[in-house]
Amino acid sequence: MGTWLYQSQAQDLGYATDSTSLLFKTIQTYQDSLLKTKEQFKNWKYQGNDTLSNPYYYRLFFQNGLSDNLFKESIGSLEGDVASSSKTGNKYNYINQLITSTYTNNPNNLKNYLSTNVKRNEVKEDIINTPIEEVQKPKKSDKTLIPIQTDEYDSDHNLVVKRPNFWTFKGNASLQFMQAYFSDNWYKGGDNNNTLLATCNVHANYDNKQGFIWTNHLEMKIGFQNSKGDDLHNFKTHADLIRLTNKFGLQATKRWYYTATLQSWTQFYKGYRANDPTVYSDFMSPFESLLTLGMDYKLTEKKFNITVSLSPLASKFKYCDRRALVNNYGLKDKHSIFEFGSNITTTFQWNIWKDVQWTGRIYYFTDYDKAQVEWENTFNLRINKYLTTKLFLYPRFDDSVNRQEGDSYFQFHETLTLGIDISF
């Protein structure tokens, strides 16, 4: 469409010749842009089913404000000349129709005229001139747009569809040290010793947010110490544990779950006593595994959370690989034994203060003849991001084991260490 047509239409509307020069100049700019668009997008065709889904058309919804901004100067100069014209009311309709038609049919190469506080002849390239791939492609710096997992990728529009990830993983590892030195003439006596303790906890939990959970917790702990007063061993263990807990749960109410739980534990290394060559425990000597059916109660608060497992049905499997140790663990001259009874297991975590945390585990099993009770307590006192002091208190009662005359079924173990602690 030639410029003469726009001129003719403007004159028909009653625009003054002197006042329309800027208008015609602006229209000429539009005309040139549209011709350029025609050449660039001769073979381009939008394939979307809904025109409104194309981000190029967003300016269509702002066309009234933009048309006022674009033609404000020319229209303002015309108002005095055309005030008495019967066609004054049509000038805004004509401009809006022109802009709407232009935006709808050829939106891709339009210029954005800046607000009145910027020079009228200064224009900038807007998002309209940006290729669609750059408009829709997520920025690498925007982490919220980068999914953990994907199951669909739309190459036409660079769209990434996220797949729900119901797994959470976390862990903690620590390396603790303790050293004690006594001079030969120390008035209270004592043995020089060095202690090393390494621990690692790994959690892999599944929760589909619809009432089904699957939790997995692996605990590993091993500690060595050497003592000047022990002539038989260069070092011996003072802490040794491998424990895996697997649990399936189905939500019954807000805080109650039907659960099936499997707890299994043994140790890494041989266990000795000072100046005694006898092996008192070893890997798979003993090994214990407890399968339970029951219900869990879960309570989670800001600084405290607790899980109580009540299992009226419990089956315990106990195995001892070393033949010489079977009677020490109540196996009655057998390598393995099954026991049936009930179990209660409670785990909790309490953030007492900002840098003081108390975690614990209470375990109770009975076959209605004998009972085993354990209460593990770990107090974690954080000094800084990586340095902590840990106090471990472990009272235990087990009347299923053989005991020496004068010994008690009650046992107690304690360690205090300082070292590196890292969470991941």
Protein backbone atom coordinates (compact mmCIF):
# COMPACT_ATOMS: atom_id res chain seq x y z
CA MET A 1 0.00 0.00 0.00
CA GLY A 2 1.54 3.32 -1.05
CA THR A 3 2.04 6.43 1.04
CA TRP A 4 -0.52 8.30 -1.03
CA LEU A 5 -3.24 6.02 0.35
CA TYR A 6 -2.38 6.93 3.93
CA GLN A 7 -2.28 10.59 2.94
CA SER A 8 -5.68 10.34 1.28
CA GLN A 9 -7.20 8.61 4.31
CA ALA A 10 -5.73 11.19 6.66
CA GLN A 11 -7.10 14.09 4.57
CA ASP A 12 -10.53 12.45 4.50
CA LEU A 13 -10.41 12.40 8.30
CA GLY A 14 -9.78 16.15 8.33
CA TYR A 15 -6.13 16.21 9.43
CA ALA A 16 -4.35 19.50 8.63
CA THR A 17 -1.55 19.24 6.07
CA ASP A 18 1.05 21.00 8.26
CA SER A 19 0.24 18.84 11.25
CA THR A 20 0.31 15.52 9.48
CA SER A 21 3.92 15.55 8.33
CA LEU A 22 5.13 13.74 11.45
CA LEU A 23 2.28 11.28 11.18
CA PHE A 24 3.17 10.44 7.57
CA LYS A 25 6.83 10.11 8.49
CA THR A 26 5.94 7.66 11.24
CA ILE A 27 3.66 5.69 8.93
CA GLN A 28 6.48 5.49 6.39
CA THR A 29 8.67 3.93 9.12
CA TYR A 30 6.01 1.33 9.75
CA GLN A 31 5.71 0.63 6.05
CA ASP A 32 9.45 0.06 5.69
CA SER A 33 9.46 -2.27 8.69
CA LEU A 34 6.62 -4.30 7.27
CA LEU A 35 8.35 -4.67 3.91
CA LYS A 36 11.45 -5.89 5.71
CA THR A 37 9.35 -8.32 7.71
CA LYS A 38 7.78 -9.67 4.55
CA GLU A 39 11.20 -10.56 3.12
CA GLN A 40 12.54 -12.07 6.37
CA PHE A 41 9.50 -14.18 7.13
CA LYS A 42 8.34 -15.06 3.63
CA ASN A 43 8.42 -18.79 4.36
CA TRP A 44 7.81 -18.60 8.13
CA LYS A 45 4.56 -19.97 9.47
CA TYR A 46 3.50 -20.22 13.09
CA GLN A 47 2.36 -23.77 13.90
CA GLY A 48 0.67 -23.18 17.25
CA ASN A 49 -2.98 -24.03 17.79
CA ASP A 50 -3.62 -20.93 19.86
CA THR A 51 -2.43 -17.54 18.62
CA LEU A 52 -2.37 -16.21 22.19
CA SER A 53 0.37 -18.69 23.14
CA ASN A 54 2.82 -16.90 20.85
CA PRO A 55 4.79 -14.36 22.96
CA TYR A 56 5.21 -12.13 19.89
CA TYR A 57 1.58 -11.04 20.20
CA TYR A 58 1.85 -9.63 23.70
CA ARG A 59 1.97 -6.06 22.39
CA LEU A 60 -1.49 -6.47 20.92
CA PHE A 61 -2.90 -6.12 24.42
CA PHE A 62 -1.07 -2.81 24.93
CA GLN A 63 -1.88 -1.31 21.53
CA ASN A 64 -4.08 1.49 22.92
CA GLY A 65 -1.38 2.84 25.19
CA LEU A 66 1.31 2.42 22.56
CA SER A 67 -0.72 4.09 19.82
CA ASP A 68 -1.29 7.09 22.09
CA ASN A 69 2.43 7.18 22.84
CA LEU A 70 3.34 6.81 19.17
CA PHE A 71 1.01 9.44 17.75
CA LYS A 72 0.65 11.69 20.78
CA GLU A 73 2.73 14.50 19.31
CA SER A 74 0.96 14.59 15.93
CA ILE A 75 -2.53 14.17 17.36
CA GLY A 76 -1.94 16.80 19.99
CA SER A 77 -1.06 19.33 17.28
CA LEU A 78 -4.17 18.46 15.34
CA GLU A 79 -6.70 18.88 18.09
CA GLY A 80 -6.93 22.62 17.65
CA ASP A 81 -7.39 22.35 13.88
CA VAL A 82 -9.94 19.58 13.90
CA ALA A 83 -11.88 20.48 17.02
CA SER A 84 -14.80 21.61 14.91
CA SER A 85 -14.57 18.70 12.51
CA SER A 86 -17.33 16.11 12.58
CA LYS A 87 -14.66 13.48 12.02
CA THR A 88 -12.69 14.27 15.19
CA GLY A 89 -14.18 11.30 17.00
CA ASN A 90 -13.04 8.94 14.28
CA LYS A 91 -9.32 9.75 14.37
CA TYR A 92 -8.60 7.54 17.41
CA ASN A 93 -10.58 4.67 15.94
CA TYR A 94 -8.66 4.95 12.67
CA ILE A 95 -5.28 4.89 14.46
CA ASN A 96 -6.25 1.98 16.71
CA GLN A 97 -7.53 -0.03 13.76
CA LEU A 98 -4.31 0.63 11.88
CA ILE A 99 -2.10 -0.43 14.81
CA THR A 100 -4.23 -3.48 15.60
CA SER A 101 -4.12 -4.66 11.99
CA THR A 102 -0.37 -4.11 11.79
CA TYR A 103 0.37 -5.90 15.08
CA THR A 104 -1.86 -8.86 14.31
CA ASN A 105 -0.58 -9.56 10.81
CA ASN A 106 3.09 -8.52 11.03
CA PRO A 107 4.26 -8.34 14.65
CA ASN A 108 7.82 -9.58 14.27
CA ASN A 109 9.76 -6.57 13.09
CA LEU A 110 8.06 -3.61 14.80
CA LYS A 111 10.02 -0.92 16.61
CA ASN A 112 9.33 0.12 20.16
CA TYR A 113 9.01 3.91 20.45
CA LEU A 114 10.20 5.04 23.83
CA SER A 115 8.32 7.19 26.32
CA THR A 116 8.15 10.96 25.96
CA ASN A 117 11.16 11.57 28.21
CA VAL A 118 13.37 10.03 25.48
CA LYS A 119 14.00 11.65 22.12
CA ARG A 120 11.24 10.72 19.71
CA ASN A 121 13.64 9.65 16.96
CA GLU A 122 15.53 7.23 19.23
CA VAL A 123 14.33 3.68 19.06
CA LYS A 124 15.64 0.41 20.44
CA GLU A 125 15.30 -3.19 19.42
CA ASP A 126 12.70 -4.87 21.54
CA ILE A 127 11.91 -8.49 22.35
CA ILE A 128 9.81 -8.50 19.18
CA ASN A 129 13.03 -8.61 17.13
CA THR A 130 14.56 -11.34 19.30
CA PRO A 131 14.46 -14.87 17.83
CA ILE A 132 11.92 -17.07 19.55
CA GLU A 133 14.64 -19.55 20.56
CA GLU A 134 16.32 -16.87 22.69
CA VAL A 135 13.07 -15.68 24.19
CA GLN A 136 11.96 -19.10 25.40
CA LYS A 137 15.32 -20.70 26.21
CA PRO A 138 15.91 -20.82 30.00
CA LYS A 139 18.89 -18.89 31.29
CA LYS A 140 21.60 -21.05 32.80
CA SER A 141 21.81 -18.72 35.77
CA ASP A 142 18.12 -19.29 36.56
CA LYS A 143 18.37 -22.48 38.59
CA THR A 144 14.63 -22.74 39.05
CA LEU A 145 14.21 -23.42 35.33
CA ILE A 146 16.74 -26.26 35.24
CA PRO A 147 14.96 -29.50 36.21
CA ILE A 148 16.56 -32.30 38.16
CA GLN A 149 15.12 -34.86 35.79
CA THR A 150 13.40 -34.57 32.42
CA ASP A 151 11.22 -36.95 30.52
CA GLU A 152 10.20 -34.77 27.56
CA TYR A 153 11.92 -32.11 25.46
CA ASP A 154 10.16 -29.96 22.85
CA SER A 155 12.89 -29.04 20.37
CA ASP A 156 10.60 -26.73 18.39
CA HIS A 157 10.20 -24.33 21.27
CA ASN A 158 13.07 -25.35 23.60
CA LEU A 159 10.59 -26.28 26.31
CA VAL A 160 11.64 -28.60 29.14
CA VAL A 161 8.99 -30.67 30.92
CA LYS A 162 9.84 -31.55 34.51
CA ARG A 163 9.23 -35.00 35.90
CA PRO A 164 8.38 -35.13 39.63
CA ASN A 165 11.30 -36.30 41.77
CA PHE A 166 10.08 -37.94 44.97
CA TRP A 167 13.55 -38.94 46.23
CA THR A 168 15.59 -37.01 48.78
CA PHE A 169 19.20 -37.80 49.64
CA LYS A 170 21.30 -36.49 52.50
CA GLY A 171 24.23 -37.59 54.56
CA ASN A 172 26.77 -36.73 57.22
CA ALA A 173 30.39 -37.79 57.71
CA SER A 174 32.75 -37.03 60.56
CA LEU A 175 36.32 -37.79 61.59
CA GLN A 176 36.96 -37.33 65.31
CA PHE A 177 40.19 -37.42 67.33
CA MET A 178 41.15 -37.66 70.97
CA GLN A 179 44.59 -37.78 72.54
CA ALA A 180 45.72 -38.17 76.14
CA TYR A 181 49.24 -37.98 77.58
CA PHE A 182 50.44 -38.66 81.11
CA SER A 183 54.00 -38.17 82.33
CA ASP A 184 55.65 -41.14 84.04
CA ASN A 185 55.41 -39.45 87.42
CA TRP A 186 51.81 -38.23 87.00
CA TYR A 187 50.46 -38.35 90.56
CA LYS A 188 47.23 -40.18 89.62
CA GLY A 189 48.78 -42.48 87.05
CA GLY A 190 47.27 -43.17 83.62
CA ASP A 191 48.05 -44.58 80.17
CA ASN A 192 48.90 -42.51 77.13
CA ASN A 193 46.38 -43.16 74.34
CA ASN A 194 45.26 -41.92 70.97
CA THR A 195 41.72 -42.36 69.67
CA LEU A 196 40.26 -42.09 66.16
CA LEU A 197 36.55 -42.30 65.36
CA ALA A 198 35.01 -42.20 61.86
CA THR A 199 31.25 -42.09 61.29
CA CYS A 200 29.01 -41.84 58.24
CA ASN A 201 25.21 -41.60 57.94
CA VAL A 202 23.40 -41.78 54.59
CA HIS A 203 19.66 -41.31 54.02
CA ALA A 204 17.76 -42.15 50.81
CA ASN A 205 14.04 -41.51 51.23
CA TYR A 206 11.09 -41.79 48.85
CA ASP A 207 7.78 -39.97 49.39
CA ASN A 208 5.22 -39.74 46.58
CA LYS A 209 3.15 -37.15 48.51
CA GLN A 210 0.15 -39.46 48.31
CA GLY A 211 0.65 -41.50 51.47
CA PHE A 212 3.42 -43.94 50.47
CA ILE A 213 6.93 -43.66 51.92
CA TRP A 214 10.09 -45.74 51.65
CA THR A 215 12.98 -44.75 53.91
CA ASN A 216 16.52 -46.12 53.94
CA HIS A 217 19.14 -45.24 56.53
CA LEU A 218 22.70 -46.60 56.55
CA GLU A 219 24.84 -46.00 59.66
CA MET A 220 28.55 -46.81 59.78
CA LYS A 221 30.86 -46.20 62.70
CA ILE A 222 34.33 -47.45 63.55
CA GLY A 223 36.82 -46.23 66.13
CA PHE A 224 40.35 -47.32 67.01
CA GLN A 225 42.57 -46.58 69.97
CA ASN A 226 46.04 -47.50 71.10
CA SER A 227 47.17 -47.61 74.70
CA LYS A 228 50.59 -47.80 76.27
CA GLY A 229 49.21 -50.17 78.90
CA ASP A 230 48.13 -52.77 76.30
CA ASP A 231 51.13 -54.93 75.39
CA LEU A 232 49.24 -57.37 73.14
CA HIS A 233 47.56 -55.00 70.67
CA ASN A 234 48.91 -52.07 68.73
CA PHE A 235 45.32 -50.86 68.48
CA LYS A 236 41.83 -52.14 69.20
CA THR A 237 38.32 -50.95 68.44
CA HIS A 238 36.27 -48.92 70.88
CA ALA A 239 33.29 -48.34 68.52
CA ASP A 240 32.18 -50.58 65.65
CA LEU A 241 28.80 -50.64 63.88
CA ILE A 242 27.16 -51.29 60.51
CA ARG A 243 23.39 -50.81 60.62
CA LEU A 244 20.87 -50.60 57.79
CA THR A 245 17.22 -49.67 58.36
CA ASN A 246 14.64 -50.06 55.58
CA LYS A 247 11.02 -49.08 56.08
CA PHE A 248 7.88 -49.12 53.93
CA GLY A 249 4.95 -47.04 55.10
CA LEU A 250 1.36 -46.33 54.06
CA GLN A 251 -0.29 -43.30 55.62
CA ALA A 252 -3.32 -44.03 57.80
CA THR A 253 -3.95 -40.58 59.32
CA LYS A 254 -2.09 -37.30 59.46
CA ARG A 255 0.66 -38.67 61.73
CA TRP A 256 0.14 -42.45 61.73
CA TYR A 257 1.47 -44.92 59.15
CA TYR A 258 1.12 -48.66 58.63
CA THR A 259 4.71 -49.87 58.36
CA ALA A 260 6.92 -52.84 57.62
CA THR A 261 10.49 -52.38 58.89
CA LEU A 262 13.72 -54.33 58.49
CA GLN A 263 16.66 -53.49 60.78
CA SER A 264 19.99 -55.29 60.26
CA TRP A 265 23.32 -54.72 62.01
CA THR A 266 26.78 -56.17 62.58
CA GLN A 267 30.35 -54.76 62.83
CA PHE A 268 33.52 -54.23 60.76
CA TYR A 269 36.40 -55.60 62.82
CA LYS A 270 37.43 -57.93 65.61
CA GLY A 271 36.76 -56.84 69.16
CA TYR A 272 39.39 -57.29 71.89
CA ARG A 273 39.96 -56.32 75.50
CA ALA A 274 43.20 -54.89 76.85
CA ASN A 275 45.95 -57.50 77.33
CA ASP A 276 43.54 -60.28 76.31
CA PRO A 277 44.05 -62.28 73.07
CA THR A 278 40.44 -63.51 73.02
CA VAL A 279 38.21 -62.31 70.17
CA TYR A 280 34.93 -61.20 71.70
CA SER A 281 33.18 -60.13 68.48
CA ASP A 282 33.82 -59.97 64.75
CA PHE A 283 32.19 -59.26 61.41
CA MET A 284 28.95 -61.33 61.28
CA SER A 285 29.63 -62.47 64.82
CA PRO A 286 27.05 -61.54 65.78
CA PHE A 287 24.69 -60.46 63.01
CA GLU A 288 21.12 -59.52 63.91
CA SER A 289 18.13 -58.72 61.70
CA LEU A 290 14.68 -57.72 62.89
CA LEU A 291 11.56 -57.71 60.69
CA THR A 292 8.51 -55.98 62.16
CA LEU A 293 4.93 -55.11 61.23
CA GLY A 294 3.08 -52.32 63.00
CA MET A 295 2.43 -48.61 62.99
CA ASP A 296 4.59 -45.48 63.13
CA TYR A 297 3.79 -42.18 64.78
CA LYS A 298 5.60 -39.18 63.26
CA LEU A 299 5.78 -35.72 64.81
CA THR A 300 7.76 -32.93 63.15
CA GLU A 301 8.18 -29.52 64.73
CA LYS A 302 10.54 -26.64 64.02
CA LYS A 303 13.29 -27.82 66.40
CA PHE A 304 12.17 -31.33 67.27
CA ASN A 305 11.06 -34.42 65.40
CA ILE A 306 10.35 -37.93 66.61
CA THR A 307 9.29 -41.25 65.11
CA VAL A 308 7.89 -44.02 67.30
CA SER A 309 7.50 -47.49 65.78
CA LEU A 310 5.09 -49.83 67.58
CA SER A 311 5.35 -53.40 66.27
CA PRO A 312 3.36 -56.12 68.06
CA LEU A 313 4.58 -58.59 65.42
CA ALA A 314 8.36 -58.97 65.25
CA SER A 315 10.66 -61.73 64.01
CA LYS A 316 14.35 -61.59 64.94
CA PHE A 317 17.11 -63.52 63.24
CA LYS A 318 20.43 -63.84 65.07
CA TYR A 319 23.55 -65.37 63.50
CA CYS A 320 27.10 -65.91 64.73
CA ASP A 321 29.79 -67.06 62.32
CA ARG A 322 32.49 -67.85 64.92
CA ARG A 323 31.68 -71.14 66.57
CA ALA A 324 33.47 -70.19 69.77
CA LEU A 325 31.19 -67.18 70.29
CA VAL A 326 27.74 -68.70 69.73
CA ASN A 327 27.04 -69.30 73.42
CA ASN A 328 28.12 -65.75 74.32
CA TYR A 329 25.14 -64.43 72.37
CA GLY A 330 22.51 -66.90 73.54
CA LEU A 331 22.49 -69.15 70.43
CA LYS A 332 22.69 -72.41 72.42
CA ASP A 333 25.40 -74.17 70.38
CA LYS A 334 23.85 -73.07 67.08
CA HIS A 335 25.08 -70.65 64.48
CA SER A 336 21.63 -69.06 64.09
CA ILE A 337 18.30 -68.76 65.78
CA PHE A 338 14.86 -67.21 65.14
CA GLU A 339 12.98 -65.39 67.86
CA PHE A 340 9.44 -64.01 67.81
CA GLY A 341 8.12 -61.21 69.93
CA SER A 342 7.40 -57.47 69.97
CA ASN A 343 9.45 -54.38 69.27
CA ILE A 344 9.40 -50.65 69.98
CA THR A 345 11.92 -48.40 68.24
CA THR A 346 12.05 -44.64 68.75
CA THR A 347 14.30 -42.17 66.93
CA PHE A 348 14.41 -38.45 67.65
CA GLN A 349 16.34 -35.27 66.91
CA TRP A 350 16.24 -32.12 69.03
CA ASN A 351 18.01 -28.88 68.10
CA ILE A 352 18.37 -27.65 71.67
CA TRP A 353 20.22 -24.47 70.75
CA LYS A 354 21.62 -23.02 67.57
CA ASP A 355 24.79 -25.14 67.68
CA VAL A 356 23.74 -27.94 70.03
CA GLN A 357 21.90 -30.98 68.70
CA TRP A 358 20.76 -34.14 70.46
CA THR A 359 19.93 -37.23 68.41
CA GLY A 360 18.90 -40.54 69.87
CA ARG A 361 17.60 -44.05 69.30
CA ILE A 362 15.71 -46.20 71.80
CA TYR A 363 15.40 -49.88 70.88
CA TYR A 364 13.38 -52.50 72.75
CA PHE A 365 12.77 -56.14 71.80
CA THR A 366 11.34 -58.97 73.84
CA ASP A 367 10.45 -62.55 73.04
CA TYR A 368 8.43 -62.59 76.30
CA ASP A 369 11.23 -64.53 78.00
CA LYS A 370 14.19 -62.19 77.70
CA ALA A 371 14.57 -58.56 76.71
CA GLN A 372 17.08 -56.30 74.97
CA VAL A 373 17.05 -52.52 75.53
CA GLU A 374 19.43 -49.97 73.98
CA TRP A 375 19.49 -46.18 74.28
CA GLU A 376 21.94 -44.40 71.99
CA ASN A 377 22.51 -40.66 72.60
CA THR A 378 24.71 -38.36 70.53
CA PHE A 379 25.23 -34.74 71.55
CA ASN A 380 26.70 -32.71 68.72
CA LEU A 381 28.27 -29.38 69.81
CA ARG A 382 29.18 -27.43 66.69
CA ILE A 383 32.13 -25.05 67.00
CA ASN A 384 32.04 -23.76 63.42
CA LYS A 385 30.91 -24.97 60.00
CA TYR A 386 33.27 -27.98 59.95
CA LEU A 387 34.52 -28.46 63.52
CA THR A 388 32.45 -30.22 66.19
CA THR A 389 32.68 -31.93 69.55
CA LYS A 390 30.63 -35.11 69.99
CA LEU A 391 29.56 -36.81 73.21
CA PHE A 392 28.19 -40.35 72.82
CA LEU A 393 26.35 -42.06 75.69
CA TYR A 394 25.15 -45.64 75.23
CA PRO A 395 23.46 -47.53 78.10
CA ARG A 396 22.36 -51.07 77.24
CA PHE A 397 20.55 -53.99 78.89
CA ASP A 398 20.54 -57.55 77.51
CA ASP A 399 19.74 -60.60 79.61
CA SER A 400 20.04 -63.01 76.67
CA VAL A 401 23.86 -63.07 76.75
CA ASN A 402 26.03 -65.18 79.01
CA ARG A 403 27.67 -63.21 81.80
CA GLN A 404 30.56 -63.85 84.12
CA GLU A 405 29.92 -64.31 87.79
CA GLY A 406 29.48 -60.96 89.42
CA ASP A 407 28.80 -59.15 86.14
CA SER A 408 25.58 -57.28 85.43
CA TYR A 409 23.27 -57.41 82.45
CA PHE A 410 23.48 -53.63 82.39
CA GLN A 411 26.26 -52.20 80.19
CA PHE A 412 27.47 -48.68 79.43
CA HIS A 413 29.71 -47.06 76.80
CA GLU A 414 30.82 -43.40 76.46
CA THR A 415 33.09 -41.42 74.12
CA LEU A 416 34.00 -37.73 73.84
CA THR A 417 35.75 -36.59 70.68
CA LEU A 418 36.70 -33.48 68.71
CA GLY A 419 37.02 -33.34 64.95
CA ILE A 420 35.68 -32.57 61.47
CA ASP A 421 31.99 -32.94 60.65
CA ILE A 422 30.55 -32.43 57.15
CA SER A 423 26.94 -32.69 55.96
CA PHE A 424 26.02 -33.31 52.34
